[in-house]
Protein backbone atom coordinates (compact mmCIF):
# COMPACT_ATOMS: atom_id res chain seq x y z
CA UNK A 1 0.00 0.00 0.00
CA UNK A 2 1.62 3.29 -1.08
CA UNK A 3 2.42 5.75 1.68
CA UNK A 4 1.98 3.20 4.45
CA UNK A 5 5.05 2.97 6.65
CA UNK A 6 6.27 -0.22 8.31
CA UNK A 7 5.70 -0.24 12.08
CA UNK A 8 8.92 -2.00 12.96
CA UNK A 9 11.74 -4.21 11.72
CA UNK A 10 13.80 -6.73 13.63
CA UNK A 11 17.02 -8.64 13.11
CA UNK A 12 19.34 -10.94 14.97
CA UNK A 13 22.79 -9.36 15.22
CA UNK A 14 26.24 -10.74 16.11
CA UNK A 15 29.60 -9.07 16.79
CA UNK A 16 28.08 -6.25 18.81
CA UNK A 17 29.77 -4.30 21.57
CA UNK A 18 27.77 -3.06 24.54
CA UNK A 19 29.24 0.45 24.37
CA UNK A 20 28.15 0.76 20.71
CA UNK A 21 24.62 -0.35 21.59
CA UNK A 22 24.47 2.05 24.52
CA UNK A 23 25.61 4.91 22.29
CA UNK A 24 22.96 4.12 19.68
CA UNK A 25 20.24 3.89 22.34
CA UNK A 26 21.13 7.33 23.63
CA UNK A 27 20.91 8.87 20.14
CA UNK A 28 17.99 7.07 18.47
CA UNK A 29 14.69 6.59 20.29
CA UNK A 30 13.47 4.23 17.57
CA UNK A 31 15.93 1.51 18.59
CA UNK A 32 15.65 -1.27 21.12
CA UNK A 33 18.20 -4.02 21.72
CA UNK A 34 17.12 -7.22 23.43
CA UNK A 35 18.77 -10.25 24.97
CA UNK A 36 18.28 -12.97 22.33
CA UNK A 37 17.74 -15.59 25.04
CA UNK A 38 14.25 -14.27 25.74
CA UNK A 39 13.11 -13.91 22.12
CA UNK A 40 11.09 -16.90 20.94
CA UNK A 41 10.60 -16.07 17.27
CA UNK A 42 9.34 -13.25 15.08
CA UNK A 43 5.77 -13.79 16.25
CA UNK A 44 6.88 -13.07 19.82
CA UNK A 45 8.47 -9.78 18.72
CA UNK A 46 5.45 -8.79 16.64
CA UNK A 47 3.03 -9.53 19.47
CA UNK A 48 5.09 -7.51 21.96
CA UNK A 49 5.43 -4.54 19.60
CA UNK A 50 1.72 -4.50 18.72
CA UNK A 51 0.67 -4.81 22.38
CA UNK A 52 2.99 -1.92 23.32
CA UNK A 53 1.65 0.26 20.50
CA UNK A 54 -1.91 -0.50 21.58
CA UNK A 55 -1.06 0.36 25.21
CA UNK A 56 0.15 3.80 24.08
CA UNK A 57 -2.81 4.30 21.77
CA UNK A 58 -5.29 3.74 24.62
CA UNK A 59 -3.27 5.41 27.38
CA UNK A 60 -2.57 2.10 29.16
CA UNK A 61 1.22 2.35 28.91
CA UNK A 62 3.28 2.48 32.08
CA UNK A 63 6.54 3.48 30.37
CA UNK A 64 7.32 6.91 28.94
CA UNK A 65 8.95 5.37 25.87
CA UNK A 66 7.45 2.87 23.45
CA UNK A 67 10.73 0.99 23.21
CA UNK A 68 10.69 0.36 26.98
CA UNK A 69 7.05 -0.71 26.90
CA UNK A 70 8.09 -3.31 24.31
CA UNK A 71 10.51 -4.77 26.87
CA UNK A 72 7.60 -5.24 29.30
CA UNK A 73 5.70 -7.29 26.76
CA UNK A 74 8.72 -9.25 25.49
CA UNK A 75 9.68 -10.24 29.03
CA UNK A 76 6.13 -10.82 30.29
CA UNK A 77 6.85 -8.51 33.21
CA UNK A 78 4.91 -5.63 34.75
CA UNK A 79 7.82 -3.92 36.50
CA UNK A 80 10.11 -1.84 34.28
CA UNK A 81 13.26 -2.67 36.27
CA UNK A 82 12.52 -6.39 36.10
CA UNK A 83 11.77 -6.21 32.38
CA UNK A 84 15.09 -4.47 31.74
CA UNK A 85 16.90 -7.08 33.83
CA UNK A 86 15.21 -9.95 31.95
CA UNK A 87 15.13 -8.58 28.40
CA UNK A 88 17.86 -5.97 28.23
CA UNK A 89 21.20 -6.94 26.75
CA UNK A 90 24.03 -7.68 29.14
CA UNK A 91 27.37 -5.85 29.24
CA UNK A 92 29.25 -8.93 28.02
CA UNK A 93 26.84 -9.62 25.15
CA UNK A 94 28.21 -10.19 21.68
CA UNK A 95 24.81 -10.73 20.06
CA UNK A 96 21.32 -9.31 20.41
CA UNK A 97 17.97 -8.81 18.77
CA UNK A 98 17.57 -5.34 17.31
CA UNK A 99 14.13 -3.77 16.94
CA UNK A 100 13.72 -0.59 14.92
CA UNK A 101 10.46 1.33 15.22
CA UNK A 102 9.30 3.07 12.05
CA UNK A 103 12.33 1.88 10.06
CA UNK A 104 13.67 3.88 7.16
CA UNK A 105 14.12 2.20 3.80
CA UNK A 106 17.01 -0.29 4.00
CA UNK A 107 16.93 -0.64 7.77
CA UNK A 108 17.95 -2.69 9.67
CA UNK A 109 20.58 -3.89 7.18
CA UNK A 110 22.04 -0.43 6.58
CA UNK A 111 22.61 0.10 10.31
CA UNK A 112 24.10 -3.37 10.69
CA UNK A 113 26.58 -2.65 7.88
CA UNK A 114 27.42 0.80 9.27
CA UNK A 115 28.24 -0.72 12.66
CA UNK A 116 30.24 -3.62 11.14
CA UNK A 117 27.92 -6.09 12.79
CA UNK A 118 26.76 -9.38 11.30
CA UNK A 119 23.09 -10.13 10.68
CA UNK A 120 22.08 -13.56 11.96
CA UNK A 121 18.35 -14.14 12.14
CA UNK A 122 18.85 -17.66 13.51
CA UNK A 123 19.23 -15.80 16.82
CA UNK A 124 15.46 -15.17 16.69
CA UNK A 125 14.60 -18.88 16.65
CA UNK A 126 13.05 -20.42 19.78
CA UNK A 127 15.16 -23.57 19.28
CA UNK A 128 17.14 -24.51 22.37
CA UNK A 129 15.96 -21.55 24.44
CA UNK A 130 14.82 -21.86 28.03
CA UNK A 131 11.21 -20.77 28.62
CA UNK A 132 11.92 -20.41 32.35
CA UNK A 133 13.60 -17.06 31.52
CA UNK A 134 10.05 -15.82 30.98
CA UNK A 135 8.77 -17.47 34.15
CA UNK A 136 7.26 -20.42 32.29
CA UNK A 137 7.63 -23.71 34.20
CA UNK A 138 8.42 -27.14 32.81
CA UNK A 139 4.95 -28.28 33.89
CA UNK A 140 3.37 -25.52 31.80
CA UNK A 141 5.48 -26.42 28.75
CA UNK A 142 4.22 -30.02 28.83
CA UNK A 143 0.65 -28.82 28.35
CA UNK A 144 1.36 -26.56 25.36
CA UNK A 145 1.91 -27.60 21.78
CA UNK A 146 3.94 -25.84 20.57
CA UNK A 147 5.45 -24.53 23.82
CA UNK A 148 6.06 -21.14 22.15
CA UNK A 149 2.30 -20.54 22.42
CA UNK A 150 2.93 -19.99 26.13
CA UNK A 151 5.22 -17.09 25.21
CA UNK A 152 2.37 -15.35 23.38
CA UNK A 153 0.10 -15.95 26.38
CA UNK A 154 2.77 -14.36 28.58
CA UNK A 155 2.82 -11.28 26.31
CA UNK A 156 -0.97 -10.95 26.56
CA UNK A 157 -0.85 -11.50 30.33
CA UNK A 158 1.08 -8.24 30.75
CA UNK A 159 -2.13 -6.31 30.01
CA UNK A 160 -3.83 -8.11 32.90
CA UNK A 161 -0.85 -7.60 35.22
CA UNK A 162 -0.93 -3.88 34.40
CA UNK A 163 -4.65 -3.73 35.09
CA UNK A 164 -5.37 -2.67 31.49
């Protein structure tokens, strides 16, 4: 559809340095960088982004910034500090998931090239990841098929936890 802008773009990224990420975050409010260990596929990212946008649209957000609200939904947490602890990238990280809100044409690849990072979307895959990072127990995972459905439930649960 002509004139319609993409809401977000995401990519798995390797060869990052924490100080570079921190610098980008301070300069560009459209960016969010996430610990890849808590991302269980593109559907998880999309659900979190759309829930966060909806929270802002209806005045149900608890964060001042959309990119921080996205962390709440990705992590399944209500508390901002806990969400940052769970979903934020760690100082020793060498890979992450990058989310760009309202991406320009060519993003995220142009930014990845500019930073000399390596795009690796296999990082987004739920394969081999531990659902307990999102507070999902082994007992819960036995009842879900596929277990990643529990991740989407956790995203939706944030609205209830917030009292939305």
